[in-house]
PDB file of N, CA and C in Angstrom:
ATOM      1  N   MET A   1      30.750 -89.416 -57.065  1.00  0.00           N
ATOM      2  CA  MET A   1      30.861 -88.300 -55.666  1.00  0.00           C
ATOM      3  C   MET A   1      31.259 -89.155 -54.276  1.00  0.00           C
ATOM      4  N   SER A   2      32.520 -88.471 -53.941  1.00  0.00           N
ATOM      5  CA  SER A   2      32.219 -88.975 -52.436  1.00  0.00           C
ATOM      6  C   SER A   2      32.417 -88.107 -51.867  1.00  0.00           C
ATOM      7  N   GLU A   3      31.586 -86.662 -51.676  1.00  0.00           N
ATOM      8  CA  GLU A   3      31.502 -85.641 -51.059  1.00  0.00           C
ATOM      9  C   GLU A   3      30.137 -84.953 -51.467  1.00  0.00           C
ATOM     10  N   ARG A   4      29.474 -84.568 -50.321  1.00  0.00           N
ATOM     11  CA  ARG A   4      28.451 -83.663 -50.844  1.00  0.00           C
ATOM     12  C   ARG A   4      28.573 -82.410 -50.259  1.00  0.00           C
ATOM     13  N   ARG A   5      28.411 -81.500 -51.148  1.00  0.00           N
ATOM     14  CA  ARG A   5      28.823 -79.819 -51.028  1.00  0.00           C
ATOM     15  C   ARG A   5      27.461 -79.193 -51.468  1.00  0.00           C
ATOM     16  N   THR A   6      27.247 -78.024 -50.931  1.00  0.00           N
ATOM     17  CA  THR A   6      26.233 -77.144 -51.059  1.00  0.00           C
ATOM     18  C   THR A   6      26.760 -76.100 -52.725  1.00  0.00           C
ATOM     19  N   ALA A   7      25.660 -75.633 -53.099  1.00  0.00           N
ATOM     20  CA  ALA A   7      26.803 -74.921 -53.870  1.00  0.00           C
ATOM     21  C   ALA A   7      27.113 -73.528 -53.357  1.00  0.00           C
ATOM     22  N   SER A   8      26.756 -72.839 -52.064  1.00  0.00           N
ATOM     23  CA  SER A   8      27.165 -71.612 -51.247  1.00  0.00           C
ATOM     24  C   SER A   8      28.452 -72.771 -50.661  1.00  0.00           C
ATOM     25  N   ALA A   9      28.825 -73.299 -50.817  1.00  0.00           N
ATOM     26  CA  ALA A   9      30.395 -73.885 -50.435  1.00  0.00           C
ATOM     27  C   ALA A   9      31.207 -73.803 -51.673  1.00  0.00           C
ATOM     28  N   LEU A  10      31.295 -73.404 -52.180  1.00  0.00           N
ATOM     29  CA  LEU A  10      32.098 -72.571 -53.474  1.00  0.00           C
ATOM     30  C   LEU A  10      31.928 -71.141 -53.830  1.00  0.00           C
ATOM     31  N   ALA A  11      31.427 -70.650 -52.867  1.00  0.00           N
ATOM     32  CA  ALA A  11      31.321 -68.827 -53.380  1.00  0.00           C
ATOM     33  C   ALA A  11      32.733 -68.295 -52.882  1.00  0.00           C
ATOM     34  N   TYR A  12      33.563 -69.145 -52.298  1.00  0.00           N
ATOM     35  CA  TYR A  12      34.953 -68.155 -51.629  1.00  0.00           C
ATOM     36  C   TYR A  12      35.409 -68.579 -53.109  1.00  0.00           C
ATOM     37  N   LEU A  13      35.167 -68.477 -54.329  1.00  0.00           N
ATOM     38  CA  LEU A  13      35.858 -68.692 -55.599  1.00  0.00           C
ATOM     39  C   LEU A  13      35.757 -67.639 -55.838  1.00  0.00           C
ATOM     40  N   HIS A  14      35.482 -66.845 -56.196  1.00  0.00           N
ATOM     41  CA  HIS A  14      34.944 -64.991 -56.335  1.00  0.00           C
ATOM     42  C   HIS A  14      35.948 -64.414 -57.961  1.00  0.00           C
ATOM     43  N   PRO A  15      35.911 -65.647 -58.735  1.00  0.00           N
ATOM     44  CA  PRO A  15      35.964 -65.612 -59.876  1.00  0.00           C
ATOM     45  C   PRO A  15      36.354 -63.473 -60.407  1.00  0.00           C
ATOM     46  N   ASP A  16      36.888 -63.750 -61.386  1.00  0.00           N
ATOM     47  CA  ASP A  16      37.183 -61.943 -61.412  1.00  0.00           C
ATOM     48  C   ASP A  16      36.830 -61.494 -62.975  1.00  0.00           C
ATOM     49  N   PHE A  17      36.823 -63.005 -64.091  1.00  0.00           N
ATOM     50  CA  PHE A  17      36.151 -62.727 -64.866  1.00  0.00           C
ATOM     51  C   PHE A  17      35.790 -63.847 -65.833  1.00  0.00           C
ATOM     52  N   CYS A  18      35.256 -64.389 -66.714  1.00  0.00           N
ATOM     53  CA  CYS A  18      34.912 -65.571 -67.507  1.00  0.00           C
ATOM     54  C   CYS A  18      34.992 -65.507 -68.714  1.00  0.00           C
ATOM     55  N   PHE A  19      35.381 -66.693 -69.528  1.00  0.00           N
ATOM     56  CA  PHE A  19      35.464 -66.856 -70.948  1.00  0.00           C
ATOM     57  C   PHE A  19      34.573 -67.755 -71.312  1.00  0.00           C
ATOM     58  N   ILE A  20      33.438 -67.907 -72.393  1.00  0.00           N
ATOM     59  CA  ILE A  20      33.421 -68.845 -73.161  1.00  0.00           C
ATOM     60  C   ILE A  20      33.841 -69.270 -74.133  1.00  0.00           C
ATOM     61  N   MET A  21      34.273 -70.516 -73.728  1.00  0.00           N
ATOM     62  CA  MET A  21      34.947 -71.543 -74.596  1.00  0.00           C
ATOM     63  C   MET A  21      34.576 -71.513 -75.827  1.00  0.00           C
ATOM     64  N   ASP A  22      35.565 -71.713 -77.137  1.00  0.00           N
ATOM     65  CA  ASP A  22      34.756 -71.652 -78.377  1.00  0.00           C
ATOM     66  C   ASP A  22      35.468 -72.794 -79.285  1.00  0.00           C
ATOM     67  N   ASP A  23      36.533 -73.727 -78.635  1.00  0.00           N
ATOM     68  CA  ASP A  23      36.552 -74.643 -79.624  1.00  0.00           C
ATOM     69  C   ASP A  23      37.072 -76.029 -78.370  1.00  0.00           C
ATOM     70  N   ASP A  24      37.574 -77.119 -78.640  1.00  0.00           N
ATOM     71  CA  ASP A  24      37.915 -78.575 -78.195  1.00  0.00           C
ATOM     72  C   ASP A  24      39.316 -78.507 -77.564  1.00  0.00           C
ATOM     73  N   SER A  25      40.132 -77.283 -78.083  1.00  0.00           N
ATOM     74  CA  SER A  25      41.723 -77.685 -77.919  1.00  0.00           C
ATOM     75  C   SER A  25      41.919 -77.899 -76.324  1.00  0.00           C
ATOM     76  N   MET A  26      40.802 -77.855 -75.528  1.00  0.00           N
ATOM     77  CA  MET A  26      41.349 -77.916 -74.110  1.00  0.00           C
ATOM     78  C   MET A  26      40.417 -79.138 -73.509  1.00  0.00           C
ATOM     79  N   GLU A  27      39.948 -79.992 -74.567  1.00  0.00           N
ATOM     80  CA  GLU A  27      38.937 -80.997 -74.301  1.00  0.00           C
ATOM     81  C   GLU A  27      39.517 -82.412 -73.122  1.00  0.00           C
ATOM     82  N   CYS A  28      40.713 -82.871 -73.511  1.00  0.00           N
ATOM     83  CA  CYS A  28      41.111 -83.334 -72.166  1.00  0.00           C
ATOM     84  C   CYS A  28      41.552 -82.888 -70.486  1.00  0.00           C
ATOM     85  N   ALA A  29      41.172 -81.746 -70.806  1.00  0.00           N
ATOM     86  CA  ALA A  29      41.521 -81.095 -69.725  1.00  0.00           C
ATOM     87  C   ALA A  29      40.162 -80.673 -68.987  1.00  0.00           C
ATOM     88  N   GLY A  30      38.914 -81.343 -69.523  1.00  0.00           N
ATOM     89  CA  GLY A  30      38.020 -81.641 -68.974  1.00  0.00           C
ATOM     90  C   GLY A  30      36.938 -79.625 -69.281  1.00  0.00           C
ATOM     91  N   ILE A  31      37.341 -79.000 -70.299  1.00  0.00           N
ATOM     92  CA  ILE A  31      36.823 -77.764 -71.096  1.00  0.00           C
ATOM     93  C   ILE A  31      36.948 -78.274 -72.375  1.00  0.00           C
ATOM     94  N   ARG A  32      35.421 -78.160 -72.659  1.00  0.00           N
ATOM     95  CA  ARG A  32      34.916 -78.641 -74.003  1.00  0.00           C
ATOM     96  C   ARG A  32      34.340 -76.791 -74.952  1.00  0.00           C
ATOM     97  N   ALA A  33      33.709 -77.020 -75.972  1.00  0.00           N
ATOM     98  CA  ALA A  33      33.465 -75.613 -76.852  1.00  0.00           C
ATOM     99  C   ALA A  33      31.759 -75.773 -76.142  1.00  0.00           C
ATOM    100  N   GLY A  34      32.127 -73.745 -75.408  1.00  0.00           N
ATOM    101  CA  GLY A  34      30.554 -73.787 -75.356  1.00  0.00           C
ATOM    102  C   GLY A  34      30.690 -73.644 -73.330  1.00  0.00           C
ATOM    103  N   ASP A  35      31.812 -74.330 -72.995  1.00  0.00           N
ATOM    104  CA  ASP A  35      31.689 -73.813 -71.623  1.00  0.00           C
ATOM    105  C   ASP A  35      32.233 -72.338 -70.931  1.00  0.00           C
ATOM    106  N   ILE A  36      31.595 -72.169 -70.025  1.00  0.00           N
ATOM    107  CA  ILE A  36      31.967 -71.082 -69.423  1.00  0.00           C
ATOM    108  C   ILE A  36      33.230 -71.249 -68.425  1.00  0.00           C
ATOM    109  N   VAL A  37      34.236 -70.713 -68.612  1.00  0.00           N
ATOM    110  CA  VAL A  37      35.485 -70.728 -67.795  1.00  0.00           C
ATOM    111  C   VAL A  37      35.920 -69.235 -66.974  1.00  0.00           C
ATOM    112  N   ALA A  38      35.905 -70.031 -65.265  1.00  0.00           N
ATOM    113  CA  ALA A  38      35.904 -68.333 -64.375  1.00  0.00           C
ATOM    114  C   ALA A  38      37.310 -68.024 -64.394  1.00  0.00           C
ATOM    115  N   PHE A  39      37.670 -67.297 -64.308  1.00  0.00           N
ATOM    116  CA  PHE A  39      39.080 -67.412 -63.214  1.00  0.00           C
ATOM    117  C   PHE A  39      39.119 -65.629 -62.551  1.00  0.00           C
ATOM    118  N   THR A  40      40.476 -66.426 -61.403  1.00  0.00           N
ATOM    119  CA  THR A  40      41.044 -65.020 -60.917  1.00  0.00           C
ATOM    120  C   THR A  40      42.414 -64.784 -61.539  1.00  0.00           C
ATOM    121  N   ALA A  41      42.028 -63.071 -61.774  1.00  0.00           N
ATOM    122  CA  ALA A  41      43.261 -62.294 -62.084  1.00  0.00           C
ATOM    123  C   ALA A  41      44.606 -62.380 -61.226  1.00  0.00           C
ATOM    124  N   CYS A  42      45.334 -63.142 -62.209  1.00  0.00           N
ATOM    125  CA  CYS A  42      46.825 -62.984 -61.587  1.00  0.00           C
ATOM    126  C   CYS A  42      48.018 -63.054 -62.574  1.00  0.00           C
ATOM    127  N   ASP A  43      49.316 -62.282 -62.278  1.00  0.00           N
ATOM    128  CA  ASP A  43      50.477 -62.392 -64.001  1.00  0.00           C
ATOM    129  C   ASP A  43      50.634 -63.534 -63.446  1.00  0.00           C
ATOM    130  N   HIS A  44      50.501 -64.686 -63.276  1.00  0.00           N
ATOM    131  CA  HIS A  44      51.518 -65.760 -62.864  1.00  0.00           C
ATOM    132  C   HIS A  44      50.686 -67.177 -62.527  1.00  0.00           C
ATOM    133  N   ALA A  45      50.951 -68.714 -62.601  1.00  0.00           N
ATOM    134  CA  ALA A  45      51.000 -69.533 -62.001  1.00  0.00           C
ATOM    135  C   ALA A  45      51.588 -70.296 -61.721  1.00  0.00           C
ATOM    136  N   GLU A  46      51.546 -71.751 -61.046  1.00  0.00           N
ATOM    137  CA  GLU A  46      51.957 -73.046 -61.039  1.00  0.00           C
ATOM    138  C   GLU A  46      51.781 -73.699 -62.162  1.00  0.00           C
ATOM    139  N   ASP A  47      52.895 -74.903 -62.388  1.00  0.00           N
ATOM    140  CA  ASP A  47      52.977 -75.969 -63.897  1.00  0.00           C
ATOM    141  C   ASP A  47      51.841 -76.829 -63.297  1.00  0.00           C
ATOM    142  N   SER A  48      50.964 -76.860 -64.722  1.00  0.00           N
ATOM    143  CA  SER A  48      49.833 -77.653 -64.721  1.00  0.00           C
ATOM    144  C   SER A  48      48.370 -77.207 -64.614  1.00  0.00           C
ATOM    145  N   GLN A  49      48.742 -75.939 -64.480  1.00  0.00           N
ATOM    146  CA  GLN A  49      47.220 -74.848 -63.794  1.00  0.00           C
ATOM    147  C   GLN A  49      46.848 -74.607 -65.502  1.00  0.00           C
ATOM    148  N   ILE A  50      45.821 -73.832 -65.171  1.00  0.00           N
ATOM    149  CA  ILE A  50      45.065 -73.479 -66.872  1.00  0.00           C
ATOM    150  C   ILE A  50      45.132 -72.200 -66.705  1.00  0.00           C
ATOM    151  N   VAL A  51      45.425 -71.620 -67.173  1.00  0.00           N
ATOM    152  CA  VAL A  51      45.636 -69.960 -67.648  1.00  0.00           C
ATOM    153  C   VAL A  51      45.049 -69.349 -69.182  1.00  0.00           C
ATOM    154  N   ALA A  52      44.866 -67.819 -68.577  1.00  0.00           N
ATOM    155  CA  ALA A  52      44.466 -67.459 -69.243  1.00  0.00           C
ATOM    156  C   ALA A  52      45.223 -66.217 -70.081  1.00  0.00           C
ATOM    157  N   VAL A  53      46.292 -66.515 -71.197  1.00  0.00           N
ATOM    158  CA  VAL A  53      47.373 -65.507 -71.816  1.00  0.00           C
ATOM    159  C   VAL A  53      46.593 -64.804 -73.031  1.00  0.00           C
ATOM    160  N   GLN A  54      46.324 -63.720 -72.813  1.00  0.00           N
ATOM    161  CA  GLN A  54      46.661 -62.543 -73.581  1.00  0.00           C
ATOM    162  C   GLN A  54      47.510 -62.284 -74.659  1.00  0.00           C
ATOM    163  N   THR A  55      47.645 -62.146 -75.805  1.00  0.00           N
ATOM    164  CA  THR A  55      48.050 -62.127 -76.884  1.00  0.00           C
ATOM    165  C   THR A  55      47.881 -60.555 -77.221  1.00  0.00           C
ATOM    166  N   ASP A  56      48.810 -60.559 -78.374  1.00  0.00           N
ATOM    167  CA  ASP A  56      48.469 -59.085 -79.164  1.00  0.00           C
ATOM    168  C   ASP A  56      47.031 -59.314 -80.215  1.00  0.00           C
ATOM    169  N   SER A  57      46.525 -60.710 -80.407  1.00  0.00           N
ATOM    170  CA  SER A  57      45.615 -60.870 -81.076  1.00  0.00           C
ATOM    171  C   SER A  57      44.448 -61.586 -80.478  1.00  0.00           C
ATOM    172  N   ALA A  58      44.776 -62.260 -79.390  1.00  0.00           N
ATOM    173  CA  ALA A  58      43.534 -63.496 -78.794  1.00  0.00           C
ATOM    174  C   ALA A  58      43.814 -63.359 -77.623  1.00  0.00           C
ATOM    175  N   VAL A  59      43.048 -63.813 -76.605  1.00  0.00           N
ATOM    176  CA  VAL A  59      43.217 -64.253 -75.507  1.00  0.00           C
ATOM    177  C   VAL A  59      42.651 -65.911 -75.686  1.00  0.00           C
ATOM    178  N   LEU A  60      44.176 -66.953 -75.034  1.00  0.00           N
ATOM    179  CA  LEU A  60      44.193 -68.249 -75.399  1.00  0.00           C
ATOM    180  C   LEU A  60      44.025 -68.540 -73.844  1.00  0.00           C
ATOM    181  N   LEU A  61      43.402 -70.072 -73.860  1.00  0.00           N
ATOM    182  CA  LEU A  61      42.947 -71.046 -72.905  1.00  0.00           C
ATOM    183  C   LEU A  61      44.264 -72.054 -72.951  1.00  0.00           C
ATOM    184  N   LEU A  62      45.310 -72.172 -72.092  1.00  0.00           N
ATOM    185  CA  LEU A  62      46.518 -73.216 -72.371  1.00  0.00           C
ATOM    186  C   LEU A  62      46.581 -73.260 -70.820  1.00  0.00           C
ATOM    187  N   ARG A  63      47.428 -74.500 -71.117  1.00  0.00           N
ATOM    188  CA  ARG A  63      48.231 -75.442 -69.685  1.00  0.00           C
ATOM    189  C   ARG A  63      49.492 -74.974 -69.471  1.00  0.00           C
ATOM    190  N   GLN A  64      49.751 -74.412 -68.702  1.00  0.00           N
ATOM    191  CA  GLN A  64      51.770 -73.650 -67.929  1.00  0.00           C
ATOM    192  C   GLN A  64      52.014 -75.326 -67.592  1.00  0.00           C
ATOM    193  N   ILE A  65      53.238 -75.094 -68.139  1.00  0.00           N
ATOM    194  CA  ILE A  65      54.142 -76.340 -68.217  1.00  0.00           C
ATOM    195  C   ILE A  65      55.665 -75.493 -67.859  1.00  0.00           C
ATOM    196  N   CYS A  66      56.708 -76.816 -67.582  1.00  0.00           N
ATOM    197  CA  CYS A  66      58.081 -76.403 -67.653  1.00  0.00           C
ATOM    198  C   CYS A  66      58.228 -74.691 -67.088  1.00  0.00           C
ATOM    199  N   ASN A  67      57.930 -74.709 -65.706  1.00  0.00           N
ATOM    200  CA  ASN A  67      58.139 -73.223 -64.822  1.00  0.00           C
ATOM    201  C   ASN A  67      57.741 -71.881 -65.996  1.00  0.00           C
ATOM    202  N   GLY A  68      56.408 -72.103 -66.419  1.00  0.00           N
ATOM    203  CA  GLY A  68      55.981 -71.128 -66.855  1.00  0.00           C
ATOM    204  C   GLY A  68      56.539 -70.806 -68.558  1.00  0.00           C
ATOM    205  N   GLU A  69      57.637 -71.672 -68.896  1.00  0.00           N
ATOM    206  CA  GLU A  69      58.636 -71.475 -69.962  1.00  0.00           C
ATOM    207  C   GLU A  69      57.476 -72.333 -71.039  1.00  0.00           C
ATOM    208  N   LEU A  70      56.765 -73.019 -70.999  1.00  0.00           N
ATOM    209  CA  LEU A  70      55.947 -73.547 -72.314  1.00  0.00           C
ATOM    210  C   LEU A  70      54.871 -73.653 -71.636  1.00  0.00           C
ATOM    211  N   LEU A  71      53.739 -73.432 -72.728  1.00  0.00           N
ATOM    212  CA  LEU A  71      52.520 -73.919 -72.626  1.00  0.00           C
ATOM    213  C   LEU A  71      51.551 -74.605 -73.605  1.00  0.00           C
ATOM    214  N   ALA A  72      50.789 -75.289 -73.047  1.00  0.00           N
ATOM    215  CA  ALA A  72      50.312 -76.549 -73.843  1.00  0.00           C
ATOM    216  C   ALA A  72      48.735 -76.117 -74.230  1.00  0.00           C
ATOM    217  N   ASP A  73      47.938 -76.934 -75.279  1.00  0.00           N
ATOM    218  CA  ASP A  73      46.241 -77.032 -75.323  1.00  0.00           C
ATOM    219  C   ASP A  73      46.460 -78.426 -74.888  1.00  0.00           C
ATOM    220  N   ALA A  74      45.125 -79.097 -74.501  1.00  0.00           N
ATOM    221  CA  ALA A  74      45.106 -80.585 -74.130  1.00  0.00           C
ATOM    222  C   ALA A  74      43.400 -80.793 -75.108  1.00  0.00           C
ATOM    223  N   PRO A  75      44.253 -81.262 -76.735  1.00  0.00           N
ATOM    224  CA  PRO A  75      42.924 -81.278 -77.051  1.00  0.00           C
ATOM    225  C   PRO A  75      42.989 -83.484 -77.280  1.00  0.00           C
ATOM    226  N   ARG A  76      41.661 -83.784 -77.671  1.00  0.00           N
ATOM    227  CA  ARG A  76      41.657 -85.066 -77.302  1.00  0.00           C
ATOM    228  C   ARG A  76      41.656 -86.274 -78.958  1.00  0.00           C
ATOM    229  N   THR A  77      41.827 -84.990 -80.087  1.00  0.00           N
ATOM    230  CA  THR A  77      41.607 -85.522 -80.963  1.00  0.00           C
ATOM    231  C   THR A  77      43.025 -85.226 -82.169  1.00  0.00           C
ATOM    232  N   ARG A  78      44.005 -84.599 -81.690  1.00  0.00           N
ATOM    233  CA  ARG A  78      45.282 -84.780 -81.496  1.00  0.00           C
ATOM    234  C   ARG A  78      46.287 -84.803 -80.912  1.00  0.00           C
ATOM    235  N   ARG A  79      47.806 -84.542 -81.171  1.00  0.00           N
ATOM    236  CA  ARG A  79      48.614 -84.497 -80.104  1.00  0.00           C
ATOM    237  C   ARG A  79      48.790 -82.844 -79.584  1.00  0.00           C
ATOM    238  N   GLU A  80      49.038 -82.863 -78.541  1.00  0.00           N
ATOM    239  CA  GLU A  80      48.868 -81.122 -77.763  1.00  0.00           C
ATOM    240  C   GLU A  80      49.931 -80.471 -79.013  1.00  0.00           C
ATOM    241  N   HIS A  81      49.442 -79.075 -78.729  1.00  0.00           N
ATOM    242  CA  HIS A  81      50.348 -78.057 -79.404  1.00  0.00           C
ATOM    243  C   HIS A  81      51.153 -77.422 -78.349  1.00  0.00           C
ATOM    244  N   VAL A  82      52.515 -77.456 -78.074  1.00  0.00           N
ATOM    245  CA  VAL A  82      53.160 -76.822 -77.122  1.00  0.00           C
ATOM    246  C   VAL A  82      54.214 -75.634 -77.589  1.00  0.00           C
ATOM    247  N   ILE A  83      53.967 -74.815 -77.153  1.00  0.00           N
ATOM    248  CA  ILE A  83      54.495 -73.496 -77.495  1.00  0.00           C
ATOM    249  C   ILE A  83      55.207 -72.621 -76.180  1.00  0.00           C
ATOM    250  N   ARG A  84      56.459 -71.949 -77.023  1.00  0.00           N
ATOM    251  CA  ARG A  84      57.327 -70.902 -75.707  1.00  0.00           C
ATOM    252  C   ARG A  84      56.503 -69.909 -75.393  1.00  0.00           C
ATOM    253  N   PHE A  85      56.586 -69.558 -74.009  1.00  0.00           N
ATOM    254  CA  PHE A  85      55.513 -68.901 -73.906  1.00  0.00           C
ATOM    255  C   PHE A  85      56.022 -66.943 -74.548  1.00  0.00           C
ATOM    256  N   ASP A  86      57.760 -67.371 -74.741  1.00  0.00           N
ATOM    257  CA  ASP A  86      57.983 -66.291 -75.370  1.00  0.00           C
ATOM    258  C   ASP A  86      57.706 -66.208 -76.893  1.00  0.00           C
ATOM    259  N   GLU A  87      57.237 -67.407 -77.617  1.00  0.00           N
ATOM    260  CA  GLU A  87      57.157 -67.038 -78.565  1.00  0.00           C
ATOM    261  C   GLU A  87      55.366 -66.437 -79.175  1.00  0.00           C
ATOM    262  N   LEU A  88      54.736 -65.991 -78.049  1.00  0.00           N
ATOM    263  CA  LEU A  88      54.235 -65.407 -78.140  1.00  0.00           C
ATOM    264  C   LEU A  88      53.491 -64.132 -78.491  1.00  0.00           C
ATOM    265  N   PRO A  89      53.166 -63.456 -79.565  1.00  0.00           N
ATOM    266  CA  PRO A  89      53.542 -61.945 -79.571  1.00  0.00           C
ATOM    267  C   PRO A  89      52.878 -60.858 -78.217  1.00  0.00           C
ATOM    268  N   GLY A  90      53.371 -60.394 -77.591  1.00  0.00           N
ATOM    269  CA  GLY A  90      52.898 -59.609 -76.704  1.00  0.00           C
ATOM    270  C   GLY A  90      52.267 -60.389 -75.523  1.00  0.00           C
ATOM    271  N   ALA A  91      52.512 -61.190 -75.302  1.00  0.00           N
ATOM    272  CA  ALA A  91      51.733 -62.498 -74.263  1.00  0.00           C
ATOM    273  C   ALA A  91      51.955 -62.271 -72.911  1.00  0.00           C
ATOM    274  N   LYS A  92      50.669 -62.426 -71.873  1.00  0.00           N
ATOM    275  CA  LYS A  92      51.444 -62.283 -70.419  1.00  0.00           C
ATOM    276  C   LYS A  92      49.484 -62.812 -69.870  1.00  0.00           C
ATOM    277  N   ILE A  93      49.886 -63.417 -69.051  1.00  0.00           N
ATOM    278  CA  ILE A  93      49.430 -64.039 -67.877  1.00  0.00           C
ATOM    279  C   ILE A  93      48.443 -63.172 -67.465  1.00  0.00           C
ATOM    280  N   ILE A  94      46.939 -63.435 -67.719  1.00  0.00           N
ATOM    281  CA  ILE A  94      45.619 -62.404 -67.181  1.00  0.00           C
ATOM    282  C   ILE A  94      44.885 -63.398 -65.798  1.00  0.00           C
ATOM    283  N   GLY A  95      45.191 -64.500 -65.544  1.00  0.00           N
ATOM    284  CA  GLY A  95      44.440 -65.129 -64.627  1.00  0.00           C
ATOM    285  C   GLY A  95      44.477 -66.780 -64.865  1.00  0.00           C
ATOM    286  N   LYS A  96      44.178 -67.226 -63.681  1.00  0.00           N
ATOM    287  CA  LYS A  96      44.227 -68.790 -64.164  1.00  0.00           C
ATOM    288  C   LYS A  96      42.798 -69.441 -63.390  1.00  0.00           C
ATOM    289  N   ALA A  97      43.036 -70.171 -63.823  1.00  0.00           N
ATOM    290  CA  ALA A  97      40.972 -71.101 -64.027  1.00  0.00           C
ATOM    291  C   ALA A  97      40.635 -71.221 -63.047  1.00  0.00           C
ATOM    292  N   VAL A  98      39.692 -71.037 -62.285  1.00  0.00           N
ATOM    293  CA  VAL A  98      38.996 -71.820 -60.945  1.00  0.00           C
ATOM    294  C   VAL A  98      37.797 -72.883 -60.921  1.00  0.00           C
ATOM    295  N   GLU A  99      37.100 -72.744 -62.228  1.00  0.00           N
ATOM    296  CA  GLU A  99      35.771 -73.379 -62.112  1.00  0.00           C
ATOM    297  C   GLU A  99      35.483 -72.926 -63.665  1.00  0.00           C
ATOM    298  N   VAL A 100      34.904 -74.504 -64.138  1.00  0.00           N
ATOM    299  CA  VAL A 100      34.581 -74.240 -65.404  1.00  0.00           C
ATOM    300  C   VAL A 100      32.861 -74.930 -65.132  1.00  0.00           C
ATOM    301  N   ARG A 101      31.955 -74.474 -65.737  1.00  0.00           N
ATOM    302  CA  ARG A 101      30.696 -74.715 -65.945  1.00  0.00           C
ATOM    303  C   ARG A 101      29.786 -74.749 -67.341  1.00  0.00           C
ATOM    304  N   HIS A 102      29.777 -76.524 -67.759  1.00  0.00           N
ATOM    305  CA  HIS A 102      29.687 -77.191 -68.955  1.00  0.00           C
ATOM    306  C   HIS A 102      28.054 -76.643 -68.810  1.00  0.00           C
ATOM    307  N   ILE A 103      28.132 -76.878 -70.199  1.00  0.00           N
ATOM    308  CA  ILE A 103      25.825 -76.547 -70.525  1.00  0.00           C
ATOM    309  C   ILE A 103      26.090 -78.257 -71.234  1.00  0.00           C
ATOM    310  N   PHE A 104      25.005 -79.209 -71.024  1.00  0.00           N
ATOM    311  CA  PHE A 104      24.785 -80.042 -71.776  1.00  0.00           C
ATOM    312  C   PHE A 104      23.974 -79.575 -72.881  1.00  0.00           C
ATOM    313  N   GLU A 105      24.089 -80.574 -73.721  1.00  0.00           N
ATOM    314  CA  GLU A 105      23.421 -80.252 -75.232  1.00  0.00           C
ATOM    315  C   GLU A 105      22.131 -80.664 -75.193  1.00  0.00           C
ATOM    316  N   TRP A 106      21.741 -80.831 -74.547  1.00  0.00           N
ATOM    317  CA  TRP A 106      20.367 -80.632 -74.541  1.00  0.00           C
ATOM    318  C   TRP A 106      20.060 -79.548 -74.054  1.00  0.00           C
ATOM    319  N   ALA A 107      20.539 -78.947 -72.845  1.00  0.00           N
ATOM    320  CA  ALA A 107      20.236 -77.689 -72.560  1.00  0.00           C
ATOM    321  C   ALA A 107      20.269 -76.850 -73.615  1.00  0.00           C
ATOM    322  N   LYS A 108      21.064 -76.533 -74.368  1.00  0.00           N
ATOM    323  CA  LYS A 108      21.075 -75.851 -75.370  1.00  0.00           C
ATOM    324  C   LYS A 108      20.344 -75.522 -76.547  1.00  0.00           C
ATOM    325  N   LYS A 109      19.502 -76.473 -76.661  1.00  0.00           N
ATOM    326  CA  LYS A 109      18.397 -76.277 -77.108  1.00  0.00           C
ATOM    327  C   LYS A 109      17.143 -75.930 -76.986  1.00  0.00           C
ATOM    328  N   GLY A 110      17.307 -75.580 -75.742  1.00  0.00           N
ATOM    329  CA  GLY A 110      16.042 -75.184 -75.308  1.00  0.00           C
ATOM    330  C   GLY A 110      15.611 -76.066 -74.006  1.00  0.00           C
ATOM    331  N   THR A 111      14.779 -75.610 -73.279  1.00  0.00           N
ATOM    332  CA  THR A 111      14.237 -76.222 -72.177  1.00  0.00           C
ATOM    333  C   THR A 111      13.324 -77.707 -72.319  1.00  0.00           C
ATOM    334  N   ASP A 112      12.302 -77.421 -73.372  1.00  0.00           N
ATOM    335  CA  ASP A 112      11.499 -78.169 -73.889  1.00  0.00           C
ATOM    336  C   ASP A 112      11.580 -79.151 -74.621  1.00  0.00           C
ATOM    337  N   ASN A 113      13.305 -79.618 -74.909  1.00  0.00           N
ATOM    338  CA  ASN A 113      14.256 -80.706 -75.253  1.00  0.00           C
ATOM    339  C   ASN A 113      13.779 -80.700 -77.175  1.00  0.00           C
ATOM    340  N   GLU A 114      13.059 -79.792 -77.474  1.00  0.00           N
ATOM    341  CA  GLU A 114      13.149 -79.234 -78.963  1.00  0.00           C
ATOM    342  C   GLU A 114      14.293 -79.879 -80.163  1.00  0.00           C
ATOM    343  N   GLU A 115      13.957 -80.262 -80.834  1.00  0.00           N
ATOM    344  CA  GLU A 115      15.104 -80.228 -82.192  1.00  0.00           C
ATOM    345  C   GLU A 115      15.232 -78.913 -82.610  1.00  0.00           C
ATOM    346  N   GLU A 116      16.976 -78.982 -82.901  1.00  0.00           N
ATOM    347  CA  GLU A 116      17.442 -77.733 -83.899  1.00  0.00           C
ATOM    348  C   GLU A 116      16.757 -77.729 -85.191  1.00  0.00           C
TER     349      GLU A 116
END
């Protein structure tokens, strides 16, 4: 790290909602299963920003590319999956990611490092 900041320095983000990532489809973007992703509500984003997309059946976490015409995931174990925005039934952007909180694996097991 090149600069030290206190936690209060990040208080300006004021996220509107959060989701817990349920898979590793955005791992190359630094977001893994179990991470808490915070969003500010919006209906548009810039290219390369990570967005929450509400469809008829789910909320997806994807990276916006090509002036919003395409969306992509960022997996580590396979090639990225790219999809046209208009191919997702009922798709609309509901927010853009502003913060990710990663929970260490040992912390998920308990504070005394007990085995599962």
